[in-house]
Amino acid sequence: MSRLARQGIVAQGRAHTTLAEPKSRFALLPARDEAITPDHVRHLMDQEGI
């Protein structure tokens, strides 16, 4: 069962890649012209009530 699950995960990952294979299991977002700081995160958390 584990072998079949791994094959399915690998096959699914290949279907979603475009030009290059991912270097890790985490998807990267496109680059932006701003740095995310702890203050930025706190502000967003306050807005969301977290």
PDB file of N, CA and C in Angstrom:
ATOM      1  N   MET A   1       0.814  -1.187   0.000  1.00  0.00           N
ATOM      2  CA  MET A   1       0.000   0.000   0.000  1.00  0.00           C
ATOM      3  C   MET A   1       0.860   1.254   0.000  1.00  0.00           C
ATOM      4  N   SER A   2       1.902   1.291   0.829  1.00  0.00           N
ATOM      5  CA  SER A   2       2.771   2.462   0.886  1.00  0.00           C
ATOM      6  C   SER A   2       3.450   2.719  -0.457  1.00  0.00           C
ATOM      7  N   ARG A   3       3.883   1.652  -1.108  1.00  0.00           N
ATOM      8  CA  ARG A   3       4.539   1.801  -2.408  1.00  0.00           C
ATOM      9  C   ARG A   3       3.577   2.409  -3.422  1.00  0.00           C
ATOM     10  N   LEU A   4       2.346   1.965  -3.435  1.00  0.00           N
ATOM     11  CA  LEU A   4       1.350   2.504  -4.362  1.00  0.00           C
ATOM     12  C   LEU A   4       1.032   3.964  -4.052  1.00  0.00           C
ATOM     13  N   ALA A   5       0.965   4.300  -2.770  1.00  0.00           N
ATOM     14  CA  ALA A   5       0.710   5.691  -2.388  1.00  0.00           C
ATOM     15  C   ALA A   5       1.852   6.584  -2.850  1.00  0.00           C
ATOM     16  N   ARG A   6       3.097   6.136  -2.651  1.00  0.00           N
ATOM     17  CA  ARG A   6       4.257   6.929  -3.090  1.00  0.00           C
ATOM     18  C   ARG A   6       4.241   7.114  -4.600  1.00  0.00           C
ATOM     19  N   GLN A   7       3.916   6.089  -5.344  1.00  0.00           N
ATOM     20  CA  GLN A   7       3.863   6.201  -6.804  1.00  0.00           C
ATOM     21  C   GLN A   7       2.804   7.213  -7.233  1.00  0.00           C
ATOM     22  N   GLY A   8       1.661   7.212  -6.568  1.00  0.00           N
ATOM     23  CA  GLY A   8       0.605   8.157  -6.891  1.00  0.00           C
ATOM     24  C   GLY A   8       0.996   9.587  -6.581  1.00  0.00           C
ATOM     25  N   ILE A   9       1.671   9.783  -5.460  1.00  0.00           N
ATOM     26  CA  ILE A   9       2.111  11.127  -5.080  1.00  0.00           C
ATOM     27  C   ILE A   9       3.153  11.635  -6.065  1.00  0.00           C
ATOM     28  N   VAL A  10       4.098  10.790  -6.425  1.00  0.00           N
ATOM     29  CA  VAL A  10       5.135  11.192  -7.376  1.00  0.00           C
ATOM     30  C   VAL A  10       4.505  11.501  -8.735  1.00  0.00           C
ATOM     31  N   ALA A  11       3.592  10.665  -9.186  1.00  0.00           N
ATOM     32  CA  ALA A  11       2.948  10.900 -10.480  1.00  0.00           C
ATOM     33  C   ALA A  11       2.131  12.188 -10.459  1.00  0.00           C
ATOM     34  N   GLN A  12       1.446  12.460  -9.368  1.00  0.00           N
ATOM     35  CA  GLN A  12       0.653  13.680  -9.244  1.00  0.00           C
ATOM     36  C   GLN A  12       1.563  14.905  -9.240  1.00  0.00           C
ATOM     37  N   GLY A  13       2.695  14.832  -8.552  1.00  0.00           N
ATOM     38  CA  GLY A  13       3.646  15.937  -8.519  1.00  0.00           C
ATOM     39  C   GLY A  13       4.198  16.244  -9.895  1.00  0.00           C
ATOM     40  N   ARG A  14       4.438  15.233 -10.695  1.00  0.00           N
ATOM     41  CA  ARG A  14       4.961  15.446 -12.049  1.00  0.00           C
ATOM     42  C   ARG A  14       3.928  16.101 -12.948  1.00  0.00           C
ATOM     43  N   ALA A  15       2.670  15.811 -12.740  1.00  0.00           N
ATOM     44  CA  ALA A  15       1.620  16.385 -13.577  1.00  0.00           C
ATOM     45  C   ALA A  15       1.493  17.882 -13.369  1.00  0.00           C
ATOM     46  N   HIS A  16       1.902  18.395 -12.201  1.00  0.00           N
ATOM     47  CA  HIS A  16       1.730  19.808 -11.892  1.00  0.00           C
ATOM     48  C   HIS A  16       2.972  20.643 -12.155  1.00  0.00           C
ATOM     49  N   THR A  17       4.078  20.014 -12.491  1.00  0.00           N
ATOM     50  CA  THR A  17       5.278  20.791 -12.759  1.00  0.00           C
ATOM     51  C   THR A  17       5.209  21.363 -14.154  1.00  0.00           C
ATOM     52  N   THR A  18       5.814  22.517 -14.335  1.00  0.00           N
ATOM     53  CA  THR A  18       5.774  23.153 -15.645  1.00  0.00           C
ATOM     54  C   THR A  18       7.108  22.976 -16.352  1.00  0.00           C
ATOM     55  N   LEU A  19       8.122  23.747 -15.966  1.00  0.00           N
ATOM     56  CA  LEU A  19       9.388  23.680 -16.670  1.00  0.00           C
ATOM     57  C   LEU A  19      10.463  22.914 -15.903  1.00  0.00           C
ATOM     58  N   ALA A  20      10.500  23.063 -14.600  1.00  0.00           N
ATOM     59  CA  ALA A  20      11.555  22.440 -13.811  1.00  0.00           C
ATOM     60  C   ALA A  20      10.948  21.630 -12.676  1.00  0.00           C
ATOM     61  N   GLU A  21      11.657  20.626 -12.275  1.00  0.00           N
ATOM     62  CA  GLU A  21      11.232  19.818 -11.137  1.00  0.00           C
ATOM     63  C   GLU A  21      11.370  20.646  -9.864  1.00  0.00           C
ATOM     64  N   PRO A  22      10.444  20.515  -8.929  1.00  0.00           N
ATOM     65  CA  PRO A  22      10.577  21.261  -7.677  1.00  0.00           C
ATOM     66  C   PRO A  22      11.785  20.785  -6.885  1.00  0.00           C
ATOM     67  N   LYS A  23      12.427  21.697  -6.166  1.00  0.00           N
ATOM     68  CA  LYS A  23      13.602  21.351  -5.370  1.00  0.00           C
ATOM     69  C   LYS A  23      13.218  20.871  -3.977  1.00  0.00           C
ATOM     70  N   SER A  24      11.968  21.099  -3.575  1.00  0.00           N
ATOM     71  CA  SER A  24      11.500  20.631  -2.277  1.00  0.00           C
ATOM     72  C   SER A  24      10.008  20.331  -2.376  1.00  0.00           C
ATOM     73  N   ARG A  25       9.442  19.918  -1.281  1.00  0.00           N
ATOM     74  CA  ARG A  25       8.021  19.587  -1.298  1.00  0.00           C
ATOM     75  C   ARG A  25       7.141  20.814  -1.111  1.00  0.00           C
ATOM     76  N   PHE A  26       7.732  21.998  -0.903  1.00  0.00           N
ATOM     77  CA  PHE A  26       6.984  23.224  -0.707  1.00  0.00           C
ATOM     78  C   PHE A  26       6.957  24.035  -1.992  1.00  0.00           C
ATOM     79  N   ALA A  27       5.785  24.508  -2.355  1.00  0.00           N
ATOM     80  CA  ALA A  27       5.668  25.341  -3.544  1.00  0.00           C
ATOM     81  C   ALA A  27       6.199  26.737  -3.256  1.00  0.00           C
ATOM     82  N   LEU A  28       6.874  27.314  -4.238  1.00  0.00           N
ATOM     83  CA  LEU A  28       7.393  28.663  -4.095  1.00  0.00           C
ATOM     84  C   LEU A  28       6.458  29.635  -4.796  1.00  0.00           C
ATOM     85  N   LEU A  29       6.259  30.771  -4.183  1.00  0.00           N
ATOM     86  CA  LEU A  29       5.447  31.815  -4.780  1.00  0.00           C
ATOM     87  C   LEU A  29       6.327  32.681  -5.668  1.00  0.00           C
ATOM     88  N   PRO A  30       5.723  33.384  -6.626  1.00  0.00           N
ATOM     89  CA  PRO A  30       6.527  34.272  -7.463  1.00  0.00           C
ATOM     90  C   PRO A  30       7.176  35.375  -6.625  1.00  0.00           C
ATOM     91  N   ALA A  31       8.312  35.879  -7.099  1.00  0.00           N
ATOM     92  CA  ALA A  31       9.026  36.943  -6.391  1.00  0.00           C
ATOM     93  C   ALA A  31       8.193  38.214  -6.379  1.00  0.00           C
ATOM     94  N   ARG A  32       8.293  38.961  -5.276  1.00  0.00           N
ATOM     95  CA  ARG A  32       7.586  40.236  -5.145  1.00  0.00           C
ATOM     96  C   ARG A  32       8.585  41.321  -4.811  1.00  0.00           C
ATOM     97  N   ASP A  33       8.179  42.571  -4.980  1.00  0.00           N
ATOM     98  CA  ASP A  33       9.065  43.704  -4.724  1.00  0.00           C
ATOM     99  C   ASP A  33       8.980  44.199  -3.286  1.00  0.00           C
ATOM    100  N   GLU A  34       8.572  43.366  -2.355  1.00  0.00           N
ATOM    101  CA  GLU A  34       8.495  43.775  -0.968  1.00  0.00           C
ATOM    102  C   GLU A  34       8.990  42.654  -0.065  1.00  0.00           C
ATOM    103  N   ALA A  35       9.564  43.044   1.036  1.00  0.00           N
ATOM    104  CA  ALA A  35      10.010  42.079   2.037  1.00  0.00           C
ATOM    105  C   ALA A  35       8.914  41.947   3.089  1.00  0.00           C
ATOM    106  N   ILE A  36       8.622  40.727   3.487  1.00  0.00           N
ATOM    107  CA  ILE A  36       7.624  40.482   4.517  1.00  0.00           C
ATOM    108  C   ILE A  36       8.341  40.478   5.863  1.00  0.00           C
ATOM    109  N   THR A  37       7.955  41.405   6.709  1.00  0.00           N
ATOM    110  CA  THR A  37       8.580  41.547   8.020  1.00  0.00           C
ATOM    111  C   THR A  37       7.642  41.030   9.104  1.00  0.00           C
ATOM    112  N   PRO A  38       8.158  40.806  10.301  1.00  0.00           N
ATOM    113  CA  PRO A  38       7.278  40.413  11.407  1.00  0.00           C
ATOM    114  C   PRO A  38       6.171  41.450  11.664  1.00  0.00           C
ATOM    115  N   ASP A  39       6.491  42.734  11.489  1.00  0.00           N
ATOM    116  CA  ASP A  39       5.468  43.772  11.671  1.00  0.00           C
ATOM    117  C   ASP A  39       4.340  43.620  10.651  1.00  0.00           C
ATOM    118  N   HIS A  40       4.711  43.289   9.415  1.00  0.00           N
ATOM    119  CA  HIS A  40       3.720  43.068   8.372  1.00  0.00           C
ATOM    120  C   HIS A  40       2.809  41.897   8.746  1.00  0.00           C
ATOM    121  N   VAL A  41       3.404  40.828   9.224  1.00  0.00           N
ATOM    122  CA  VAL A  41       2.634  39.650   9.626  1.00  0.00           C
ATOM    123  C   VAL A  41       1.708  39.985  10.795  1.00  0.00           C
ATOM    124  N   ARG A  42       2.225  40.716  11.795  1.00  0.00           N
ATOM    125  CA  ARG A  42       1.391  41.109  12.939  1.00  0.00           C
ATOM    126  C   ARG A  42       0.212  41.960  12.495  1.00  0.00           C
ATOM    127  N   HIS A  43       0.452  42.886  11.582  1.00  0.00           N
ATOM    128  CA  HIS A  43      -0.629  43.740  11.070  1.00  0.00           C
ATOM    129  C   HIS A  43      -1.710  42.881  10.393  1.00  0.00           C
ATOM    130  N   LEU A  44      -1.303  41.945   9.572  1.00  0.00           N
ATOM    131  CA  LEU A  44      -2.269  41.073   8.900  1.00  0.00           C
ATOM    132  C   LEU A  44      -3.012  40.195   9.913  1.00  0.00           C
ATOM    133  N   MET A  45      -2.311  39.722  10.929  1.00  0.00           N
ATOM    134  CA  MET A  45      -2.957  38.904  11.956  1.00  0.00           C
ATOM    135  C   MET A  45      -3.992  39.736  12.720  1.00  0.00           C
ATOM    136  N   ASP A  46      -3.649  40.986  13.022  1.00  0.00           N
ATOM    137  CA  ASP A  46      -4.613  41.875  13.701  1.00  0.00           C
ATOM    138  C   ASP A  46      -5.850  42.094  12.834  1.00  0.00           C
ATOM    139  N   GLN A  47      -5.646  42.267  11.540  1.00  0.00           N
ATOM    140  CA  GLN A  47      -6.765  42.471  10.619  1.00  0.00           C
ATOM    141  C   GLN A  47      -7.687  41.240  10.582  1.00  0.00           C
ATOM    142  N   GLU A  48      -7.075  40.059  10.641  1.00  0.00           N
ATOM    143  CA  GLU A  48      -7.829  38.809  10.557  1.00  0.00           C
ATOM    144  C   GLU A  48      -8.376  38.379  11.917  1.00  0.00           C
ATOM    145  N   GLY A  49      -7.942  39.039  12.986  1.00  0.00           N
ATOM    146  CA  GLY A  49      -8.402  38.667  14.321  1.00  0.00           C
ATOM    147  C   GLY A  49      -7.757  37.403  14.852  1.00  0.00           C
ATOM    148  N   ILE A  50      -6.552  37.155  14.444  1.00  0.00           N
ATOM    149  CA  ILE A  50      -5.837  35.949  14.870  1.00  0.00           C
ATOM    150  C   ILE A  50      -4.974  36.267  16.063  1.00  0.00           C
TER     151      ILE A  50
END
